[in-house]
Amino acid sequence: MGNNNSATEEVQNSGIEIRGLYKIFGKHPEQYMDAVKEGMSKQVLQEEHGHVLNNVVYGLEVQGVSRKKQEVEARRWIDRVGLSGFEDNFPNQLSGGMQQRVGLARALTNDAPLLLMDEAFSALDPLIRMDMQSVLLDLQSELHKTIVFITHDVDEALRLGDRIAILRDGEVIQEGTGQEIVLEPADEYIQNFVKDVNRGRVILAESVMSAGAHKDAVEEVNATDHLETAARSISDSAEHAVNVVDDEGKIVGHLDLDTTVAAIVKQESRHTTADGEYSP
């Protein structure tokens, strides 16, 4: 990596050049890269490491941690990812999803401050892939670690990412929350990237609600409910509208059927004008 404060800094990783890392990690990406060099765990299983238990303790073994502590920590995380009873199995005796669980257990056992997951679930079939995403989300809700998850699957990115950076030719084209990217794509490349996304599972009620309470609405949805959830409540209500409430139950707005449907359907095509602006 070049100048840590440079907007054109470069990181070489598996032959992929990423410029402008500061856009993802903030003003001091060098702090994260130091963590990468010192403690990053990769989800790669090695046959030469032996069975599952030996694979999971590998990071602690390299650090010189006592065998007793290695096994205590390893067995804790093996159990946490749902692999108790498989400690003596070898990687080639496990399914793809189970192998990913072993890699995840090893990363967590190593207690790395930053986890890099590069296409971690891409080779799994759809059902196992969804299951592994759920496992990761469950663990993250408990651990709150920094995870850099690289994927070519936009639905996976939107489900897993608190913030998402979309790259083209090594440059960050747009960075933001899933909602920001879906609702306000930066250019035609981003719009094409998200055009087939199920918007009802990304956009929150609070993002498109109208101000004030609906005078006839009886049903309520939470402000952080996705539009897909809100749409069900709206369709079940005689008024075809719901009030939107915050976590304390206070009404902060309302949604009607027309607004909800308009937000869920695909965005109309936008184009780049002659002066380079991206507009409807």
C-alpha atoms as a PDB file:
ATOM      1  CA  MET A   1       0.000   0.000   0.000  1.00  0.00           C
ATOM      2  CA  GLY A   2       1.210   3.484  -0.849  1.00  0.00           C
ATOM      3  CA  ASN A   3       0.656   6.703   1.071  1.00  0.00           C
ATOM      4  CA  ASN A   4      -1.906   5.891   3.746  1.00  0.00           C
ATOM      5  CA  ASN A   5      -3.512   9.309   3.429  1.00  0.00           C
ATOM      6  CA  SER A   6      -3.726   9.258  -0.348  1.00  0.00           C
ATOM      7  CA  ALA A   7      -7.045   9.002  -2.159  1.00  0.00           C
ATOM      8  CA  THR A   8      -5.278   6.893  -4.783  1.00  0.00           C
ATOM      9  CA  GLU A   9      -3.735   4.402  -2.392  1.00  0.00           C
ATOM     10  CA  GLU A  10      -3.659   0.851  -3.663  1.00  0.00           C
ATOM     11  CA  VAL A  11      -4.034  -2.494  -1.983  1.00  0.00           C
ATOM     12  CA  GLN A  12      -2.969  -5.669  -3.760  1.00  0.00           C
ATOM     13  CA  ASN A  13      -5.046  -8.669  -2.743  1.00  0.00           C
ATOM     14  CA  SER A  14      -5.276 -11.863  -4.825  1.00  0.00           C
ATOM     15  CA  GLY A  15      -4.445  -9.894  -7.950  1.00  0.00           C
ATOM     16  CA  ILE A  16      -7.273  -7.390  -7.447  1.00  0.00           C
ATOM     17  CA  GLU A  17      -6.308  -3.719  -7.171  1.00  0.00           C
ATOM     18  CA  ILE A  18      -8.563  -1.573  -5.017  1.00  0.00           C
ATOM     19  CA  ARG A  19      -8.094   2.197  -5.076  1.00  0.00           C
ATOM     20  CA  GLY A  20      -9.596   4.661  -2.627  1.00  0.00           C
ATOM     21  CA  LEU A  21      -9.863   2.299   0.326  1.00  0.00           C
ATOM     22  CA  TYR A  22     -10.454   5.361   2.465  1.00  0.00           C
ATOM     23  CA  LYS A  23     -13.964   5.555   1.013  1.00  0.00           C
ATOM     24  CA  ILE A  24     -14.799   2.303   2.752  1.00  0.00           C
ATOM     25  CA  PHE A  25     -12.793   2.549   5.974  1.00  0.00           C
ATOM     26  CA  GLY A  26     -12.720   6.306   6.587  1.00  0.00           C
ATOM     27  CA  LYS A  27      -9.738   8.604   7.038  1.00  0.00           C
ATOM     28  CA  HIS A  28      -7.370   6.038   8.548  1.00  0.00           C
ATOM     29  CA  PRO A  29      -7.530   2.822   6.502  1.00  0.00           C
ATOM     30  CA  GLU A  30      -3.985   2.007   7.592  1.00  0.00           C
ATOM     31  CA  GLN A  31      -5.358   1.033  11.002  1.00  0.00           C
ATOM     32  CA  TYR A  32      -7.546  -1.590   9.375  1.00  0.00           C
ATOM     33  CA  MET A  33      -4.799  -2.812   7.086  1.00  0.00           C
ATOM     34  CA  ASP A  34      -2.485  -3.229  10.077  1.00  0.00           C
ATOM     35  CA  ALA A  35      -5.190  -5.404  11.595  1.00  0.00           C
ATOM     36  CA  VAL A  36      -5.350  -7.352   8.356  1.00  0.00           C
ATOM     37  CA  LYS A  37      -1.610  -8.015   8.339  1.00  0.00           C
ATOM     38  CA  GLU A  38      -1.483  -8.897  12.031  1.00  0.00           C
ATOM     39  CA  GLY A  39      -4.581 -10.950  12.549  1.00  0.00           C
ATOM     40  CA  MET A  40      -6.827 -11.410   9.527  1.00  0.00           C
ATOM     41  CA  SER A  41      -8.294 -14.884   9.118  1.00  0.00           C
ATOM     42  CA  LYS A  42      -9.145 -16.361   5.739  1.00  0.00           C
ATOM     43  CA  GLN A  43     -11.740 -19.067   5.347  1.00  0.00           C
ATOM     44  CA  VAL A  44      -9.476 -21.631   3.712  1.00  0.00           C
ATOM     45  CA  LEU A  45      -9.381 -25.188   4.972  1.00  0.00           C
ATOM     46  CA  GLN A  46      -6.136 -27.100   4.659  1.00  0.00           C
ATOM     47  CA  GLU A  47      -6.020 -30.876   4.570  1.00  0.00           C
ATOM     48  CA  GLU A  48      -2.517 -30.782   6.055  1.00  0.00           C
ATOM     49  CA  HIS A  49      -3.959 -29.179   9.189  1.00  0.00           C
ATOM     50  CA  GLY A  50      -5.885 -32.400   9.783  1.00  0.00           C
ATOM     51  CA  HIS A  51      -9.375 -32.679  11.201  1.00  0.00           C
ATOM     52  CA  VAL A  52     -11.843 -29.927  12.024  1.00  0.00           C
ATOM     53  CA  LEU A  53     -10.467 -29.221  15.499  1.00  0.00           C
ATOM     54  CA  ASN A  54      -6.921 -28.792  14.205  1.00  0.00           C
ATOM     55  CA  ASN A  55      -8.138 -26.486  11.433  1.00  0.00           C
ATOM     56  CA  VAL A  56     -10.005 -24.307  13.925  1.00  0.00           C
ATOM     57  CA  VAL A  57      -7.088 -23.989  16.389  1.00  0.00           C
ATOM     58  CA  TYR A  58      -4.569 -23.209  13.637  1.00  0.00           C
ATOM     59  CA  GLY A  59      -4.524 -19.430  14.187  1.00  0.00           C
ATOM     60  CA  LEU A  60      -3.987 -19.781  17.931  1.00  0.00           C
ATOM     61  CA  GLU A  61      -1.295 -22.406  17.342  1.00  0.00           C
ATOM     62  CA  VAL A  62       0.625 -19.976  15.131  1.00  0.00           C
ATOM     63  CA  GLN A  63       0.337 -17.361  17.888  1.00  0.00           C
ATOM     64  CA  GLY A  64       1.870 -19.760  20.421  1.00  0.00           C
ATOM     65  CA  VAL A  65      -1.236 -20.103  22.590  1.00  0.00           C
ATOM     66  CA  SER A  66      -1.249 -23.150  24.883  1.00  0.00           C
ATOM     67  CA  ARG A  67      -2.942 -26.249  23.502  1.00  0.00           C
ATOM     68  CA  LYS A  68      -5.431 -26.297  26.360  1.00  0.00           C
ATOM     69  CA  LYS A  69      -6.609 -22.765  25.630  1.00  0.00           C
ATOM     70  CA  GLN A  70      -6.626 -23.509  21.899  1.00  0.00           C
ATOM     71  CA  GLU A  71      -9.055 -26.354  22.362  1.00  0.00           C
ATOM     72  CA  VAL A  72     -11.292 -24.503  24.813  1.00  0.00           C
ATOM     73  CA  GLU A  73     -11.735 -21.599  22.397  1.00  0.00           C
ATOM     74  CA  ALA A  74     -12.026 -23.850  19.342  1.00  0.00           C
ATOM     75  CA  ARG A  75     -14.688 -26.091  20.843  1.00  0.00           C
ATOM     76  CA  ARG A  76     -16.663 -23.034  21.931  1.00  0.00           C
ATOM     77  CA  TRP A  77     -16.859 -21.686  18.387  1.00  0.00           C
ATOM     78  CA  ILE A  78     -17.302 -25.092  16.767  1.00  0.00           C
ATOM     79  CA  ASP A  79     -20.402 -25.461  18.910  1.00  0.00           C
ATOM     80  CA  ARG A  80     -21.510 -21.890  18.166  1.00  0.00           C
ATOM     81  CA  VAL A  81     -21.523 -22.492  14.401  1.00  0.00           C
ATOM     82  CA  GLY A  82     -23.386 -25.778  14.805  1.00  0.00           C
ATOM     83  CA  LEU A  83     -20.599 -28.310  14.235  1.00  0.00           C
ATOM     84  CA  SER A  84     -20.434 -30.079  17.596  1.00  0.00           C
ATOM     85  CA  GLY A  85     -19.745 -33.756  16.977  1.00  0.00           C
ATOM     86  CA  PHE A  86     -17.695 -33.109  13.827  1.00  0.00           C
ATOM     87  CA  GLU A  87     -14.426 -32.174  15.553  1.00  0.00           C
ATOM     88  CA  ASP A  88     -12.645 -35.315  14.326  1.00  0.00           C
ATOM     89  CA  ASN A  89     -13.882 -35.150  10.726  1.00  0.00           C
ATOM     90  CA  PHE A  90     -11.587 -34.125   7.888  1.00  0.00           C
ATOM     91  CA  PRO A  91     -12.545 -31.320   5.464  1.00  0.00           C
ATOM     92  CA  ASN A  92     -13.176 -33.750   2.597  1.00  0.00           C
ATOM     93  CA  GLN A  93     -15.780 -35.489   4.765  1.00  0.00           C
ATOM     94  CA  LEU A  94     -17.839 -32.293   5.125  1.00  0.00           C
ATOM     95  CA  SER A  95     -20.366 -30.620   2.861  1.00  0.00           C
ATOM     96  CA  GLY A  96     -19.613 -27.220   1.369  1.00  0.00           C
ATOM     97  CA  GLY A  97     -21.765 -25.443   3.934  1.00  0.00           C
ATOM     98  CA  MET A  98     -20.105 -27.292   6.795  1.00  0.00           C
ATOM     99  CA  GLN A  99     -16.666 -26.388   5.451  1.00  0.00           C
ATOM    100  CA  GLN A 100     -17.664 -22.728   5.479  1.00  0.00           C
ATOM    101  CA  ARG A 101     -18.780 -23.112   9.092  1.00  0.00           C
ATOM    102  CA  VAL A 102     -15.343 -24.504   9.950  1.00  0.00           C
ATOM    103  CA  GLY A 103     -13.677 -21.503   8.312  1.00  0.00           C
ATOM    104  CA  LEU A 104     -15.958 -19.160  10.214  1.00  0.00           C
ATOM    105  CA  ALA A 105     -15.215 -20.944  13.502  1.00  0.00           C
ATOM    106  CA  ARG A 106     -11.476 -20.630  12.849  1.00  0.00           C
ATOM    107  CA  ALA A 107     -11.754 -16.903  12.181  1.00  0.00           C
ATOM    108  CA  LEU A 108     -13.773 -16.376  15.355  1.00  0.00           C
ATOM    109  CA  THR A 109     -11.452 -18.549  17.448  1.00  0.00           C
ATOM    110  CA  ASN A 110      -8.544 -16.416  16.265  1.00  0.00           C
ATOM    111  CA  ASP A 111     -10.482 -13.323  17.411  1.00  0.00           C
ATOM    112  CA  ALA A 112      -9.257 -11.318  14.431  1.00  0.00           C
ATOM    113  CA  PRO A 113     -10.316  -7.636  14.590  1.00  0.00           C
ATOM    114  CA  LEU A 114     -11.175  -7.731  10.881  1.00  0.00           C
ATOM    115  CA  LEU A 115     -12.658 -10.604   8.892  1.00  0.00           C
ATOM    116  CA  LEU A 116     -12.205 -10.723   5.128  1.00  0.00           C
ATOM    117  CA  MET A 117     -14.719 -12.997   3.434  1.00  0.00           C
ATOM    118  CA  ASP A 118     -13.977 -13.175  -0.278  1.00  0.00           C
ATOM    119  CA  GLU A 119     -16.854 -14.884  -2.156  1.00  0.00           C
ATOM    120  CA  ALA A 120     -17.248 -17.046   0.950  1.00  0.00           C
ATOM    121  CA  PHE A 121     -20.634 -18.495  -0.011  1.00  0.00           C
ATOM    122  CA  SER A 122     -20.518 -18.274  -3.804  1.00  0.00           C
ATOM    123  CA  ALA A 123     -19.950 -22.012  -4.395  1.00  0.00           C
ATOM    124  CA  LEU A 124     -22.858 -23.100  -2.202  1.00  0.00           C
ATOM    125  CA  ASP A 125     -26.306 -24.064  -3.454  1.00  0.00           C
ATOM    126  CA  PRO A 126     -29.035 -21.434  -2.837  1.00  0.00           C
ATOM    127  CA  LEU A 127     -30.576 -22.999   0.285  1.00  0.00           C
ATOM    128  CA  ILE A 128     -27.240 -23.579   2.021  1.00  0.00           C
ATOM    129  CA  ARG A 129     -26.105 -20.126   0.947  1.00  0.00           C
ATOM    130  CA  MET A 130     -29.143 -18.517   2.593  1.00  0.00           C
ATOM    131  CA  ASP A 131     -28.524 -20.607   5.706  1.00  0.00           C
ATOM    132  CA  MET A 132     -24.905 -19.446   5.930  1.00  0.00           C
ATOM    133  CA  GLN A 133     -25.972 -15.833   5.466  1.00  0.00           C
ATOM    134  CA  SER A 134     -28.371 -16.275   8.385  1.00  0.00           C
ATOM    135  CA  VAL A 135     -25.598 -17.806  10.507  1.00  0.00           C
ATOM    136  CA  LEU A 136     -23.325 -14.857   9.740  1.00  0.00           C
ATOM    137  CA  LEU A 137     -26.039 -12.287  10.511  1.00  0.00           C
ATOM    138  CA  ASP A 138     -26.829 -14.040  13.789  1.00  0.00           C
ATOM    139  CA  LEU A 139     -23.173 -14.052  14.822  1.00  0.00           C
ATOM    140  CA  GLN A 140     -22.683 -10.453  13.762  1.00  0.00           C
ATOM    141  CA  SER A 141     -25.656  -9.290  15.843  1.00  0.00           C
ATOM    142  CA  GLU A 142     -23.789 -10.704  18.834  1.00  0.00           C
ATOM    143  CA  LEU A 143     -20.152  -9.891  18.021  1.00  0.00           C
ATOM    144  CA  HIS A 144     -20.283  -6.615  16.047  1.00  0.00           C
ATOM    145  CA  LYS A 145     -17.017  -7.282  14.223  1.00  0.00           C
ATOM    146  CA  THR A 146     -15.797  -5.430  11.163  1.00  0.00           C
ATOM    147  CA  ILE A 147     -16.361  -7.742   8.191  1.00  0.00           C
ATOM    148  CA  VAL A 148     -15.353  -7.000   4.618  1.00  0.00           C
ATOM    149  CA  PHE A 149     -17.551  -9.294   2.539  1.00  0.00           C
ATOM    150  CA  ILE A 150     -16.734  -9.471  -1.170  1.00  0.00           C
ATOM    151  CA  THR A 151     -19.480 -10.743  -3.462  1.00  0.00           C
ATOM    152  CA  HIS A 152     -20.797 -10.423  -7.009  1.00  0.00           C
ATOM    153  CA  ASP A 153     -24.344 -11.167  -5.803  1.00  0.00           C
ATOM    154  CA  VAL A 154     -26.211  -7.903  -5.248  1.00  0.00           C
ATOM    155  CA  ASP A 155     -28.974  -9.578  -3.222  1.00  0.00           C
ATOM    156  CA  GLU A 156     -26.353 -11.074  -0.911  1.00  0.00           C
ATOM    157  CA  ALA A 157     -24.691  -7.682  -0.519  1.00  0.00           C
ATOM    158  CA  LEU A 158     -27.994  -6.008   0.298  1.00  0.00           C
ATOM    159  CA  ARG A 159     -28.903  -8.673   2.848  1.00  0.00           C
ATOM    160  CA  LEU A 160     -25.559  -8.721   4.641  1.00  0.00           C
ATOM    161  CA  GLY A 161     -24.106  -5.249   4.283  1.00  0.00           C
ATOM    162  CA  ASP A 162     -24.611  -2.342   6.663  1.00  0.00           C
ATOM    163  CA  ARG A 163     -22.758  -0.309   4.052  1.00  0.00           C
ATOM    164  CA  ILE A 164     -21.978  -1.373   0.521  1.00  0.00           C
ATOM    165  CA  ALA A 165     -19.289  -0.230  -1.895  1.00  0.00           C
ATOM    166  CA  ILE A 166     -19.796  -1.038  -5.585  1.00  0.00           C
ATOM    167  CA  LEU A 167     -16.588  -1.125  -7.620  1.00  0.00           C
ATOM    168  CA  ARG A 168     -15.882  -0.984 -11.343  1.00  0.00           C
ATOM    169  CA  ASP A 169     -12.348  -1.462 -12.683  1.00  0.00           C
ATOM    170  CA  GLY A 170     -10.968  -1.071  -9.164  1.00  0.00           C
ATOM    171  CA  GLU A 171     -12.734   2.257  -8.518  1.00  0.00           C
ATOM    172  CA  VAL A 172     -15.490   2.798  -5.946  1.00  0.00           C
ATOM    173  CA  ILE A 173     -18.462   4.025  -8.004  1.00  0.00           C
ATOM    174  CA  GLN A 174     -20.942   4.330  -5.147  1.00  0.00           C
ATOM    175  CA  GLU A 175     -20.850   3.674  -1.410  1.00  0.00           C
ATOM    176  CA  GLY A 176     -23.737   3.787   1.029  1.00  0.00           C
ATOM    177  CA  THR A 177     -26.492   1.802   2.660  1.00  0.00           C
ATOM    178  CA  GLY A 178     -28.492  -0.657   0.614  1.00  0.00           C
ATOM    179  CA  GLN A 179     -31.422   1.747   0.605  1.00  0.00           C
ATOM    180  CA  GLU A 180     -29.309   4.651  -0.612  1.00  0.00           C
ATOM    181  CA  ILE A 181     -27.941   2.620  -3.480  1.00  0.00           C
ATOM    182  CA  VAL A 182     -31.327   1.237  -4.538  1.00  0.00           C
ATOM    183  CA  LEU A 183     -33.217   4.521  -4.191  1.00  0.00           C
ATOM    184  CA  GLU A 184     -30.511   6.844  -5.563  1.00  0.00           C
ATOM    185  CA  PRO A 185     -28.175   4.974  -7.946  1.00  0.00           C
ATOM    186  CA  ALA A 186     -25.193   7.149  -8.839  1.00  0.00           C
ATOM    187  CA  ASP A 187     -25.180   6.342 -12.545  1.00  0.00           C
ATOM    188  CA  GLU A 188     -26.467   3.954 -15.195  1.00  0.00           C
ATOM    189  CA  TYR A 189     -23.960   1.278 -14.175  1.00  0.00           C
ATOM    190  CA  ILE A 190     -25.349   1.223 -10.630  1.00  0.00           C
ATOM    191  CA  GLN A 191     -28.940   1.383 -11.851  1.00  0.00           C
ATOM    192  CA  ASN A 192     -28.368  -1.646 -14.068  1.00  0.00           C
ATOM    193  CA  PHE A 193     -26.638  -3.377 -11.175  1.00  0.00           C
ATOM    194  CA  VAL A 194     -29.688  -3.088  -8.906  1.00  0.00           C
ATOM    195  CA  LYS A 195     -32.507  -3.100 -11.466  1.00  0.00           C
ATOM    196  CA  ASP A 196     -33.697  -6.628 -10.618  1.00  0.00           C
ATOM    197  CA  VAL A 197     -33.478  -6.236  -6.836  1.00  0.00           C
ATOM    198  CA  ASN A 198     -36.610  -6.986  -4.811  1.00  0.00           C
ATOM    199  CA  ARG A 199     -37.068  -3.429  -3.569  1.00  0.00           C
ATOM    200  CA  GLY A 200     -39.734  -4.503  -1.098  1.00  0.00           C
ATOM    201  CA  ARG A 201     -37.077  -6.384   0.880  1.00  0.00           C
ATOM    202  CA  VAL A 202     -34.633  -3.450   0.912  1.00  0.00           C
ATOM    203  CA  ILE A 203     -36.596  -0.217   1.351  1.00  0.00           C
ATOM    204  CA  LEU A 204     -37.884   0.620   4.825  1.00  0.00           C
ATOM    205  CA  ALA A 205     -41.274   2.114   5.636  1.00  0.00           C
ATOM    206  CA  GLU A 206     -39.685   5.256   7.107  1.00  0.00           C
ATOM    207  CA  SER A 207     -37.949   6.017   3.802  1.00  0.00           C
ATOM    208  CA  VAL A 208     -41.141   6.532   1.774  1.00  0.00           C
ATOM    209  CA  MET A 209     -43.853   7.233   4.364  1.00  0.00           C
ATOM    210  CA  SER A 210     -45.964  10.386   4.273  1.00  0.00           C
ATOM    211  CA  ALA A 211     -46.001  12.792   7.210  1.00  0.00           C
ATOM    212  CA  GLY A 212     -48.613  12.595   9.925  1.00  0.00           C
ATOM    213  CA  ALA A 213     -51.155   9.968  10.904  1.00  0.00           C
ATOM    214  CA  HIS A 214     -53.730   8.589   8.486  1.00  0.00           C
ATOM    215  CA  LYS A 215     -57.123   9.517   9.914  1.00  0.00           C
ATOM    216  CA  ASP A 216     -58.793   6.210   8.997  1.00  0.00           C
ATOM    217  CA  ALA A 217     -55.919   3.753   9.416  1.00  0.00           C
ATOM    218  CA  VAL A 218     -56.178   1.161  12.187  1.00  0.00           C
ATOM    219  CA  GLU A 219     -53.213  -1.104  11.409  1.00  0.00           C
ATOM    220  CA  GLU A 220     -49.643  -0.099  12.264  1.00  0.00           C
ATOM    221  CA  VAL A 221     -46.179  -1.060  11.044  1.00  0.00           C
ATOM    222  CA  ASN A 222     -42.790  -0.210  12.489  1.00  0.00           C
ATOM    223  CA  ALA A 223     -40.712   2.458  10.784  1.00  0.00           C
ATOM    224  CA  THR A 224     -37.930  -0.082  10.254  1.00  0.00           C
ATOM    225  CA  ASP A 225     -40.194  -2.705   8.658  1.00  0.00           C
ATOM    226  CA  HIS A 226     -39.468  -3.426   5.016  1.00  0.00           C
ATOM    227  CA  LEU A 227     -42.085  -2.425   2.468  1.00  0.00           C
ATOM    228  CA  GLU A 228     -42.842  -6.084   1.773  1.00  0.00           C
ATOM    229  CA  THR A 229     -44.056  -6.409   5.385  1.00  0.00           C
ATOM    230  CA  ALA A 230     -45.936  -3.115   5.214  1.00  0.00           C
ATOM    231  CA  ALA A 231     -47.630  -4.128   1.965  1.00  0.00           C
ATOM    232  CA  ARG A 232     -49.100  -7.211   3.608  1.00  0.00           C
ATOM    233  CA  SER A 233     -50.577  -5.128   6.414  1.00  0.00           C
ATOM    234  CA  ILE A 234     -51.921  -2.581   3.938  1.00  0.00           C
ATOM    235  CA  SER A 235     -53.562  -5.248   1.790  1.00  0.00           C
ATOM    236  CA  ASP A 236     -55.219  -6.735   4.886  1.00  0.00           C
ATOM    237  CA  SER A 237     -56.638  -3.399   6.043  1.00  0.00           C
ATOM    238  CA  ALA A 238     -60.011  -2.085   4.900  1.00  0.00           C
ATOM    239  CA  GLU A 239     -58.550   1.434   4.563  1.00  0.00           C
ATOM    240  CA  HIS A 240     -55.610   0.282   2.375  1.00  0.00           C
ATOM    241  CA  ALA A 241     -53.363   2.360   4.614  1.00  0.00           C
ATOM    242  CA  VAL A 242     -51.330   1.918   7.805  1.00  0.00           C
ATOM    243  CA  ASN A 243     -49.794   4.246  10.318  1.00  0.00           C
ATOM    244  CA  VAL A 244     -46.034   4.016  10.826  1.00  0.00           C
ATOM    245  CA  VAL A 245     -44.751   3.983  14.400  1.00  0.00           C
ATOM    246  CA  ASP A 246     -41.313   4.204  15.993  1.00  0.00           C
ATOM    247  CA  ASP A 247     -39.911   1.747  18.545  1.00  0.00           C
ATOM    248  CA  GLU A 248     -41.824   3.518  21.320  1.00  0.00           C
ATOM    249  CA  GLY A 249     -45.149   3.172  19.514  1.00  0.00           C
ATOM    250  CA  LYS A 250     -45.403   6.838  18.533  1.00  0.00           C
ATOM    251  CA  ILE A 251     -46.944   7.525  15.114  1.00  0.00           C
ATOM    252  CA  VAL A 252     -44.320   9.108  12.860  1.00  0.00           C
ATOM    253  CA  GLY A 253     -46.137   8.906   9.515  1.00  0.00           C
ATOM    254  CA  HIS A 254     -48.343   6.738   7.337  1.00  0.00           C
ATOM    255  CA  LEU A 255     -48.251   4.608   4.226  1.00  0.00           C
ATOM    256  CA  ASP A 256     -50.987   4.047   1.675  1.00  0.00           C
ATOM    257  CA  LEU A 257     -51.263   1.431  -1.046  1.00  0.00           C
ATOM    258  CA  ASP A 258     -50.337   3.704  -3.959  1.00  0.00           C
ATOM    259  CA  THR A 259     -47.165   5.007  -2.280  1.00  0.00           C
ATOM    260  CA  THR A 260     -46.051   1.526  -1.280  1.00  0.00           C
ATOM    261  CA  VAL A 261     -46.612  -0.013  -4.708  1.00  0.00           C
ATOM    262  CA  ALA A 262     -44.868   2.901  -6.434  1.00  0.00           C
ATOM    263  CA  ALA A 263     -41.806   2.426  -4.222  1.00  0.00           C
ATOM    264  CA  ILE A 264     -41.664  -1.335  -4.760  1.00  0.00           C
ATOM    265  CA  VAL A 265     -41.981  -1.408  -8.550  1.00  0.00           C
ATOM    266  CA  LYS A 266     -38.887  -0.940 -10.673  1.00  0.00           C
ATOM    267  CA  GLN A 267     -37.532   2.545 -11.008  1.00  0.00           C
ATOM    268  CA  GLU A 268     -38.023   4.116 -14.412  1.00  0.00           C
ATOM    269  CA  SER A 269     -34.925   4.242 -16.556  1.00  0.00           C
ATOM    270  CA  ARG A 270     -32.682   7.263 -16.111  1.00  0.00           C
ATOM    271  CA  HIS A 271     -30.005   8.525 -18.444  1.00  0.00           C
ATOM    272  CA  THR A 272     -26.869  10.614 -18.618  1.00  0.00           C
ATOM    273  CA  THR A 273     -27.395  14.062 -20.120  1.00  0.00           C
ATOM    274  CA  ALA A 274     -25.032  15.794 -22.525  1.00  0.00           C
ATOM    275  CA  ASP A 275     -23.319  17.673 -19.697  1.00  0.00           C
ATOM    276  CA  GLY A 276     -22.620  14.416 -17.837  1.00  0.00           C
ATOM    277  CA  GLU A 277     -25.375  14.703 -15.252  1.00  0.00           C
ATOM    278  CA  TYR A 278     -27.384  11.607 -14.372  1.00  0.00           C
ATOM    279  CA  SER A 279     -31.088  12.469 -14.363  1.00  0.00           C
ATOM    280  CA  PRO A 280     -34.614  11.099 -14.984  1.00  0.00           C
END
